[in-house]
PDB file of all heavy atoms in Angstrom:
ATOM      1  N   ASN A   1      -0.970   0.683  -5.126  1.00  0.00           N
ATOM      2  CA  ASN A   1      -0.666  -0.697  -4.644  1.00  0.00           C
ATOM      3  C   ASN A   1       0.645  -0.626  -3.931  1.00  0.00           C
ATOM      4  O   ASN A   1       1.731  -0.778  -4.523  1.00  0.00           O
ATOM      5  CB  ASN A   1      -0.638  -1.655  -5.791  1.00  0.00           C
ATOM      6  CG  ASN A   1      -0.418  -3.083  -5.333  1.00  0.00           C
ATOM      7  OD1 ASN A   1      -0.600  -3.357  -4.122  1.00  0.00           O
ATOM      8  ND2 ASN A   1      -0.035  -3.976  -6.248  1.00  0.00           N
ATOM      9  N   ILE A   2       0.603  -0.513  -2.617  1.00  0.00           N
ATOM     10  CA  ILE A   2       1.848  -0.399  -1.834  1.00  0.00           C
ATOM     11  C   ILE A   2       2.624  -1.697  -1.748  1.00  0.00           C
ATOM     12  O   ILE A   2       3.730  -1.739  -1.234  1.00  0.00           O
ATOM     13  CB  ILE A   2       1.595   0.186  -0.446  1.00  0.00           C
ATOM     14  CG1 ILE A   2       0.841  -0.812   0.430  1.00  0.00           C
ATOM     15  CG2 ILE A   2       0.857   1.506  -0.544  1.00  0.00           C
ATOM     16  CD1 ILE A   2       0.776  -0.406   1.919  1.00  0.00           C
ATOM     17  N   LEU A   3       2.039  -2.807  -2.255  1.00  0.00           N
ATOM     18  CA  LEU A   3       2.808  -4.070  -2.312  1.00  0.00           C
ATOM     19  C   LEU A   3       3.908  -3.945  -3.362  1.00  0.00           C
ATOM     20  O   LEU A   3       4.946  -4.662  -3.247  1.00  0.00           O
ATOM     21  CB  LEU A   3       1.883  -5.206  -2.673  1.00  0.00           C
ATOM     22  CG  LEU A   3       0.798  -5.584  -1.677  1.00  0.00           C
ATOM     23  CD1 LEU A   3      -0.100  -6.651  -2.245  1.00  0.00           C
ATOM     24  CD2 LEU A   3       1.431  -6.046  -0.321  1.00  0.00           C
ATOM     25  N   LEU A   4       3.724  -3.049  -4.347  1.00  0.00           N
ATOM     26  CA  LEU A   4       4.696  -2.901  -5.419  1.00  0.00           C
ATOM     27  C   LEU A   4       5.319  -1.493  -5.470  1.00  0.00           C
ATOM     28  O   LEU A   4       6.431  -1.329  -6.003  1.00  0.00           O
ATOM     29  CB  LEU A   4       4.071  -3.190  -6.768  1.00  0.00           C
ATOM     30  CG  LEU A   4       3.444  -4.605  -6.934  1.00  0.00           C
ATOM     31  CD1 LEU A   4       2.759  -4.704  -8.285  1.00  0.00           C
ATOM     32  CD2 LEU A   4       4.488  -5.670  -6.748  1.00  0.00           C
ATOM     33  N   ASP A   5       4.634  -0.509  -4.932  1.00  0.00           N
ATOM     34  CA  ASP A   5       5.068   0.861  -5.010  1.00  0.00           C
ATOM     35  C   ASP A   5       5.083   1.506  -3.618  1.00  0.00           C
ATOM     36  O   ASP A   5       4.050   1.628  -2.964  1.00  0.00           O
ATOM     37  CB  ASP A   5       4.158   1.636  -5.963  1.00  0.00           C
ATOM     38  CG  ASP A   5       4.591   3.088  -6.162  1.00  0.00           C
ATOM     39  OD1 ASP A   5       5.650   3.479  -5.600  1.00  0.00           O
ATOM     40  OD2 ASP A   5       3.924   3.813  -6.902  1.00  0.00           O
ATOM     41  N   SER A   6       6.243   1.931  -3.162  1.00  0.00           N
ATOM     42  CA  SER A   6       6.380   2.505  -1.792  1.00  0.00           C
ATOM     43  C   SER A   6       6.345   4.018  -1.778  1.00  0.00           C
ATOM     44  O   SER A   6       6.539   4.606  -0.707  1.00  0.00           O
ATOM     45  CB  SER A   6       7.657   2.002  -1.176  1.00  0.00           C
ATOM     46  OG  SER A   6       8.807   2.447  -1.920  1.00  0.00           O
ATOM     47  N   SER A   7       6.070   4.664  -2.879  1.00  0.00           N
ATOM     48  CA  SER A   7       6.123   6.126  -2.944  1.00  0.00           C
ATOM     49  C   SER A   7       5.065   6.783  -2.063  1.00  0.00           C
ATOM     50  O   SER A   7       5.309   7.768  -1.372  1.00  0.00           O
ATOM     51  CB  SER A   7       5.963   6.616  -4.407  1.00  0.00           C
ATOM     52  OG  SER A   7       4.736   6.167  -4.932  1.00  0.00           O
ATOM     53  N   LEU A   8       3.890   6.158  -2.002  1.00  0.00           N
ATOM     54  CA  LEU A   8       2.820   6.720  -1.197  1.00  0.00           C
ATOM     55  C   LEU A   8       3.169   6.653   0.320  1.00  0.00           C
ATOM     56  O   LEU A   8       2.963   7.588   1.035  1.00  0.00           O
ATOM     57  CB  LEU A   8       1.485   5.985  -1.453  1.00  0.00           C
ATOM     58  CG  LEU A   8       0.294   6.388  -0.539  1.00  0.00           C
ATOM     59  CD1 LEU A   8      -0.068   7.851  -0.772  1.00  0.00           C
ATOM     60  CD2 LEU A   8      -0.883   5.466  -0.763  1.00  0.00           C
ATOM     61  N   THR A   9       3.695   5.494   0.760  1.00  0.00           N
ATOM     62  CA  THR A   9       4.053   5.336   2.118  1.00  0.00           C
ATOM     63  C   THR A   9       5.137   6.312   2.533  1.00  0.00           C
ATOM     64  O   THR A   9       5.149   6.803   3.658  1.00  0.00           O
ATOM     65  CB  THR A   9       4.528   3.900   2.417  1.00  0.00           C
ATOM     66  OG1 THR A   9       5.599   3.558   1.534  1.00  0.00           O
ATOM     67  CG2 THR A   9       3.392   2.907   2.163  1.00  0.00           C
ATOM     68  N   ALA A  10       6.079   6.601   1.586  1.00  0.00           N
ATOM     69  CA  ALA A  10       7.122   7.588   1.889  1.00  0.00           C
ATOM     70  C   ALA A  10       6.523   8.934   2.050  1.00  0.00           C
ATOM     71  O   ALA A  10       6.969   9.727   2.970  1.00  0.00           O
ATOM     72  CB  ALA A  10       8.162   7.568   0.768  1.00  0.00           C
ATOM     73  N   GLN A  11       5.571   9.344   1.224  1.00  0.00           N
ATOM     74  CA  GLN A  11       4.980  10.665   1.340  1.00  0.00           C
ATOM     75  C   GLN A  11       4.177  10.815   2.640  1.00  0.00           C
ATOM     76  O   GLN A  11       4.243  11.847   3.280  1.00  0.00           O
ATOM     77  CB  GLN A  11       4.032  10.902   0.102  1.00  0.00           C
ATOM     78  CG  GLN A  11       4.746  11.074  -1.209  1.00  0.00           C
ATOM     79  CD  GLN A  11       3.769  11.138  -2.363  1.00  0.00           C
ATOM     80  OE1 GLN A  11       3.066  10.206  -2.661  1.00  0.00           O
ATOM     81  NE2 GLN A  11       3.805  12.286  -3.059  1.00  0.00           N
ATOM     82  N   MET A  12       3.451   9.798   3.007  1.00  0.00           N
ATOM     83  CA  MET A  12       2.641   9.815   4.242  1.00  0.00           C
ATOM     84  C   MET A  12       3.591   9.818   5.461  1.00  0.00           C
ATOM     85  O   MET A  12       3.308  10.470   6.465  1.00  0.00           O
ATOM     86  CB  MET A  12       1.669   8.674   4.310  1.00  0.00           C
ATOM     87  CG  MET A  12       0.585   8.704   3.206  1.00  0.00           C
ATOM     88  SD  MET A  12      -0.505  10.135   3.304  1.00  0.00           S
ATOM     89  CE  MET A  12      -1.572   9.642   4.661  1.00  0.00           C
ATOM     90  N   SER A  13       4.708   9.092   5.325  1.00  0.00           N
ATOM     91  CA  SER A  13       5.645   8.993   6.472  1.00  0.00           C
ATOM     92  C   SER A  13       6.215  10.363   6.754  1.00  0.00           C
ATOM     93  O   SER A  13       6.594  10.660   7.895  1.00  0.00           O
ATOM     94  CB  SER A  13       6.758   7.969   6.156  1.00  0.00           C
ATOM     95  OG  SER A  13       6.217   6.682   6.018  1.00  0.00           O
ATOM     96  N   SER A  14       6.361  11.196   5.772  1.00  0.00           N
ATOM     97  CA  SER A  14       6.916  12.527   5.973  1.00  0.00           C
ATOM     98  C   SER A  14       6.022  13.386   6.928  1.00  0.00           C
ATOM     99  O   SER A  14       6.470  14.352   7.505  1.00  0.00           O
ATOM    100  CB  SER A  14       7.089  13.263   4.630  1.00  0.00           C
ATOM    101  OG  SER A  14       5.801  13.539   4.047  1.00  0.00           O
ATOM    102  N   LEU A  15       4.710  12.987   7.065  1.00  0.00           N
ATOM    103  CA  LEU A  15       3.826  13.648   7.958  1.00  0.00           C
ATOM    104  C   LEU A  15       3.737  12.921   9.312  1.00  0.00           C
ATOM    105  O   LEU A  15       2.909  13.289  10.166  1.00  0.00           O
ATOM    106  CB  LEU A  15       2.453  13.735   7.340  1.00  0.00           C
ATOM    107  CG  LEU A  15       2.306  14.387   6.009  1.00  0.00           C
ATOM    108  CD1 LEU A  15       0.855  14.390   5.510  1.00  0.00           C
ATOM    109  CD2 LEU A  15       2.842  15.843   6.058  1.00  0.00           C
ATOM    110  N   GLY A  16       4.511  11.871   9.484  1.00  0.00           N
ATOM    111  CA  GLY A  16       4.465  11.079  10.696  1.00  0.00           C
ATOM    112  C   GLY A  16       3.339  10.048  10.696  1.00  0.00           C
ATOM    113  O   GLY A  16       2.943   9.581  11.769  1.00  0.00           O
ATOM    114  N   LEU A  17       2.824   9.751   9.499  1.00  0.00           N
ATOM    115  CA  LEU A  17       1.731   8.750   9.379  1.00  0.00           C
ATOM    116  C   LEU A  17       2.243   7.490   8.682  1.00  0.00           C
ATOM    117  O   LEU A  17       2.800   7.547   7.580  1.00  0.00           O
ATOM    118  CB  LEU A  17       0.584   9.319   8.592  1.00  0.00           C
ATOM    119  CG  LEU A  17      -0.084  10.585   9.161  1.00  0.00           C
ATOM    120  CD1 LEU A  17      -1.143  11.146   8.249  1.00  0.00           C
ATOM    121  CD2 LEU A  17      -0.661  10.351  10.550  1.00  0.00           C
ATOM    122  N   LEU A  18       2.080   6.357   9.350  1.00  0.00           N
ATOM    123  CA  LEU A  18       2.596   5.064   8.837  1.00  0.00           C
ATOM    124  C   LEU A  18       1.446   4.142   8.489  1.00  0.00           C
ATOM    125  O   LEU A  18       0.400   4.122   9.203  1.00  0.00           O
ATOM    126  CB  LEU A  18       3.481   4.403   9.892  1.00  0.00           C
ATOM    127  CG  LEU A  18       4.730   5.236  10.340  1.00  0.00           C
ATOM    128  CD1 LEU A  18       5.423   4.491  11.463  1.00  0.00           C
ATOM    129  CD2 LEU A  18       5.640   5.521   9.168  1.00  0.00           C
ATOM    130  N   PRO A  19       1.547   3.363   7.425  1.00  0.00           N
ATOM    131  CA  PRO A  19       0.518   2.397   7.082  1.00  0.00           C
ATOM    132  C   PRO A  19       0.533   1.246   8.036  1.00  0.00           C
ATOM    133  O   PRO A  19       1.586   0.763   8.416  1.00  0.00           O
ATOM    134  CB  PRO A  19       0.894   1.978   5.653  1.00  0.00           C
ATOM    135  CG  PRO A  19       2.371   2.121   5.604  1.00  0.00           C
ATOM    136  CD  PRO A  19       2.703   3.297   6.479  1.00  0.00           C
ATOM    137  N   PHE A  20      -0.668   0.816   8.472  1.00  0.00           N
ATOM    138  CA  PHE A  20      -0.681  -0.313   9.385  1.00  0.00           C
ATOM    139  C   PHE A  20      -0.834  -1.644   8.642  1.00  0.00           C
ATOM    140  O   PHE A  20      -0.172  -2.615   8.932  1.00  0.00           O
ATOM    141  CB  PHE A  20      -1.839  -0.177  10.399  1.00  0.00           C
ATOM    142  CG  PHE A  20      -1.793  -1.236  11.457  1.00  0.00           C
ATOM    143  CD1 PHE A  20      -0.976  -1.080  12.541  1.00  0.00           C
ATOM    144  CD2 PHE A  20      -2.516  -2.414  11.346  1.00  0.00           C
ATOM    145  CE1 PHE A  20      -0.922  -2.050  13.543  1.00  0.00           C
ATOM    146  CE2 PHE A  20      -2.453  -3.390  12.314  1.00  0.00           C
ATOM    147  CZ  PHE A  20      -1.620  -3.215  13.421  1.00  0.00           C
ATOM    148  N   ASN A  21      -1.745  -1.695   7.643  1.00  0.00           N
ATOM    149  CA  ASN A  21      -1.952  -2.919   6.873  1.00  0.00           C
ATOM    150  C   ASN A  21      -1.042  -2.811   5.657  1.00  0.00           C
ATOM    151  O   ASN A  21      -1.251  -2.036   4.755  1.00  0.00           O
ATOM    152  CB  ASN A  21      -3.405  -3.097   6.491  1.00  0.00           C
ATOM    153  CG  ASN A  21      -4.043  -1.900   5.798  1.00  0.00           C
ATOM    154  OD1 ASN A  21      -3.790  -0.769   6.202  1.00  0.00           O
ATOM    155  ND2 ASN A  21      -4.754  -2.154   4.747  1.00  0.00           N
ATOM    156  N   THR A  22      -0.008  -3.686   5.595  1.00  0.00           N
ATOM    157  CA  THR A  22       1.006  -3.603   4.517  1.00  0.00           C
ATOM    158  C   THR A  22       1.290  -4.901   3.806  1.00  0.00           C
ATOM    159  O   THR A  22       2.113  -4.950   2.924  1.00  0.00           O
ATOM    160  CB  THR A  22       2.302  -3.132   5.158  1.00  0.00           C
ATOM    161  OG1 THR A  22       2.744  -4.011   6.155  1.00  0.00           O
ATOM    162  CG2 THR A  22       2.188  -1.729   5.731  1.00  0.00           C
ATOM    163  N   SER A  23       0.527  -5.971   4.145  1.00  0.00           N
ATOM    164  CA  SER A  23       0.923  -7.282   3.585  1.00  0.00           C
ATOM    165  C   SER A  23      -0.180  -7.983   2.793  1.00  0.00           C
ATOM    166  O   SER A  23       0.119  -8.696   1.806  1.00  0.00           O
ATOM    167  CB  SER A  23       1.362  -8.214   4.739  1.00  0.00           C
ATOM    168  OG  SER A  23       0.361  -8.346   5.688  1.00  0.00           O
ATOM    169  N   MET A  24      -1.431  -7.770   3.111  1.00  0.00           N
ATOM    170  CA  MET A  24      -2.495  -8.503   2.510  1.00  0.00           C
ATOM    171  C   MET A  24      -3.269  -7.632   1.501  1.00  0.00           C
ATOM    172  O   MET A  24      -3.623  -6.486   1.802  1.00  0.00           O
ATOM    173  CB  MET A  24      -3.497  -9.037   3.524  1.00  0.00           C
ATOM    174  CG  MET A  24      -2.937 -10.035   4.490  1.00  0.00           C
ATOM    175  SD  MET A  24      -4.133 -10.529   5.734  1.00  0.00           S
ATOM    176  CE  MET A  24      -5.356 -11.294   4.692  1.00  0.00           C
ATOM    177  N   PRO A  25      -3.516  -8.119   0.290  1.00  0.00           N
ATOM    178  CA  PRO A  25      -4.294  -7.344  -0.698  1.00  0.00           C
ATOM    179  C   PRO A  25      -5.718  -7.084  -0.237  1.00  0.00           C
ATOM    180  O   PRO A  25      -6.286  -7.875   0.529  1.00  0.00           O
ATOM    181  CB  PRO A  25      -4.252  -8.229  -1.948  1.00  0.00           C
ATOM    182  CG  PRO A  25      -3.989  -9.594  -1.470  1.00  0.00           C
ATOM    183  CD  PRO A  25      -3.139  -9.427  -0.230  1.00  0.00           C
ATOM    184  N   THR A  26      -6.300  -5.986  -0.716  1.00  0.00           N
ATOM    185  CA  THR A  26      -7.661  -5.652  -0.307  1.00  0.00           C
ATOM    186  C   THR A  26      -8.616  -5.526  -1.498  1.00  0.00           C
ATOM    187  O   THR A  26      -9.807  -5.373  -1.346  1.00  0.00           O
ATOM    188  CB  THR A  26      -7.702  -4.314   0.455  1.00  0.00           C
ATOM    189  OG1 THR A  26      -7.165  -3.303  -0.367  1.00  0.00           O
ATOM    190  CG2 THR A  26      -6.865  -4.414   1.736  1.00  0.00           C
ATOM    191  N   HIS A  27      -8.040  -5.568  -2.742  1.00  0.00           N
ATOM    192  CA  HIS A  27      -8.841  -5.436  -3.936  1.00  0.00           C
ATOM    193  C   HIS A  27      -8.565  -6.573  -4.868  1.00  0.00           C
ATOM    194  O   HIS A  27      -7.405  -6.948  -5.097  1.00  0.00           O
ATOM    195  CB  HIS A  27      -8.561  -4.114  -4.673  1.00  0.00           C
ATOM    196  CG  HIS A  27      -9.304  -3.961  -5.924  1.00  0.00           C
ATOM    197  ND1 HIS A  27      -8.719  -4.121  -7.184  1.00  0.00           N
ATOM    198  CD2 HIS A  27     -10.603  -3.661  -6.242  1.00  0.00           C
ATOM    199  CE1 HIS A  27      -9.555  -3.945  -8.130  1.00  0.00           C
ATOM    200  NE2 HIS A  27     -10.732  -3.666  -7.589  1.00  0.00           N
ATOM    201  N   PHE A  28      -9.620  -7.184  -5.407  1.00  0.00           N
ATOM    202  CA  PHE A  28      -9.474  -8.401  -6.196  1.00  0.00           C
ATOM    203  C   PHE A  28     -10.229  -8.258  -7.503  1.00  0.00           C
ATOM    204  O   PHE A  28     -11.392  -7.883  -7.554  1.00  0.00           O
ATOM    205  CB  PHE A  28     -10.024  -9.622  -5.402  1.00  0.00           C
ATOM    206  CG  PHE A  28      -9.409  -9.730  -4.036  1.00  0.00           C
ATOM    207  CD1 PHE A  28     -10.012  -9.106  -2.927  1.00  0.00           C
ATOM    208  CD2 PHE A  28      -8.263 -10.457  -3.816  1.00  0.00           C
ATOM    209  CE1 PHE A  28      -9.481  -9.231  -1.686  1.00  0.00           C
ATOM    210  CE2 PHE A  28      -7.697 -10.589  -2.585  1.00  0.00           C
ATOM    211  CZ  PHE A  28      -8.308  -9.967  -1.499  1.00  0.00           C
ATOM    212  N   SER A  29      -9.492  -8.616  -8.591  1.00  0.00           N
ATOM    213  CA  SER A  29     -10.141  -8.653  -9.883  1.00  0.00           C
ATOM    214  C   SER A  29      -9.811 -10.040 -10.508  1.00  0.00           C
ATOM    215  O   SER A  29      -9.156 -10.868  -9.896  1.00  0.00           O
ATOM    216  CB  SER A  29      -9.582  -7.544 -10.822  1.00  0.00           C
ATOM    217  OG  SER A  29      -8.211  -7.776 -11.082  1.00  0.00           O
ATOM    218  N   SER A  30     -10.314 -10.297 -11.721  1.00  0.00           N
ATOM    219  CA  SER A  30     -10.103 -11.585 -12.325  1.00  0.00           C
ATOM    220  C   SER A  30      -8.616 -11.842 -12.665  1.00  0.00           C
ATOM    221  O   SER A  30      -8.205 -12.956 -12.847  1.00  0.00           O
ATOM    222  CB  SER A  30     -10.900 -11.714 -13.624  1.00  0.00           C
ATOM    223  OG  SER A  30     -10.592 -10.610 -14.506  1.00  0.00           O
ATOM    224  N   SER A  31      -7.812 -10.776 -12.674  1.00  0.00           N
ATOM    225  CA  SER A  31      -6.425 -10.927 -13.088  1.00  0.00           C
ATOM    226  C   SER A  31      -5.399 -10.463 -12.058  1.00  0.00           C
ATOM    227  O   SER A  31      -4.160 -10.631 -12.239  1.00  0.00           O
ATOM    228  CB  SER A  31      -6.155 -10.165 -14.415  1.00  0.00           C
ATOM    229  OG  SER A  31      -6.466  -8.801 -14.243  1.00  0.00           O
ATOM    230  N   SER A  32      -5.810  -9.818 -10.927  1.00  0.00           N
ATOM    231  CA  SER A  32      -4.848  -9.275 -10.036  1.00  0.00           C
ATOM    232  C   SER A  32      -5.406  -9.159  -8.595  1.00  0.00           C
ATOM    233  O   SER A  32      -6.652  -9.190  -8.421  1.00  0.00           O
ATOM    234  CB  SER A  32      -4.375  -7.900 -10.477  1.00  0.00           C
ATOM    235  OG  SER A  32      -5.443  -6.960 -10.431  1.00  0.00           O
ATOM    236  N   SER A  33      -4.502  -9.070  -7.619  1.00  0.00           N
ATOM    237  CA  SER A  33      -4.837  -8.773  -6.244  1.00  0.00           C
ATOM    238  C   SER A  33      -3.896  -7.636  -5.769  1.00  0.00           C
ATOM    239  O   SER A  33      -2.725  -7.752  -5.780  1.00  0.00           O
ATOM    240  CB  SER A  33      -4.642 -10.012  -5.356  1.00  0.00           C
ATOM    241  OG  SER A  33      -5.425 -11.102  -5.802  1.00  0.00           O
ATOM    242  N   THR A  34      -4.493  -6.536  -5.337  1.00  0.00           N
ATOM    243  CA  THR A  34      -3.748  -5.339  -4.988  1.00  0.00           C
ATOM    244  C   THR A  34      -4.135  -4.812  -3.607  1.00  0.00           C
ATOM    245  O   THR A  34      -5.261  -5.028  -3.120  1.00  0.00           O
ATOM    246  CB  THR A  34      -3.936  -4.221  -6.032  1.00  0.00           C
ATOM    247  OG1 THR A  34      -5.366  -4.023  -6.211  1.00  0.00           O
ATOM    248  CG2 THR A  34      -3.329  -4.589  -7.361  1.00  0.00           C
TER     249      THR A  34
END
């Protein structure tokens, strides 16, 4: 969940790859949106 954890984006950035969708959740459960 890159809304709360930026470690993945940092690892991908080291390869020159940046996340494009960074603001809206894409997974929904009865208790969370990630």
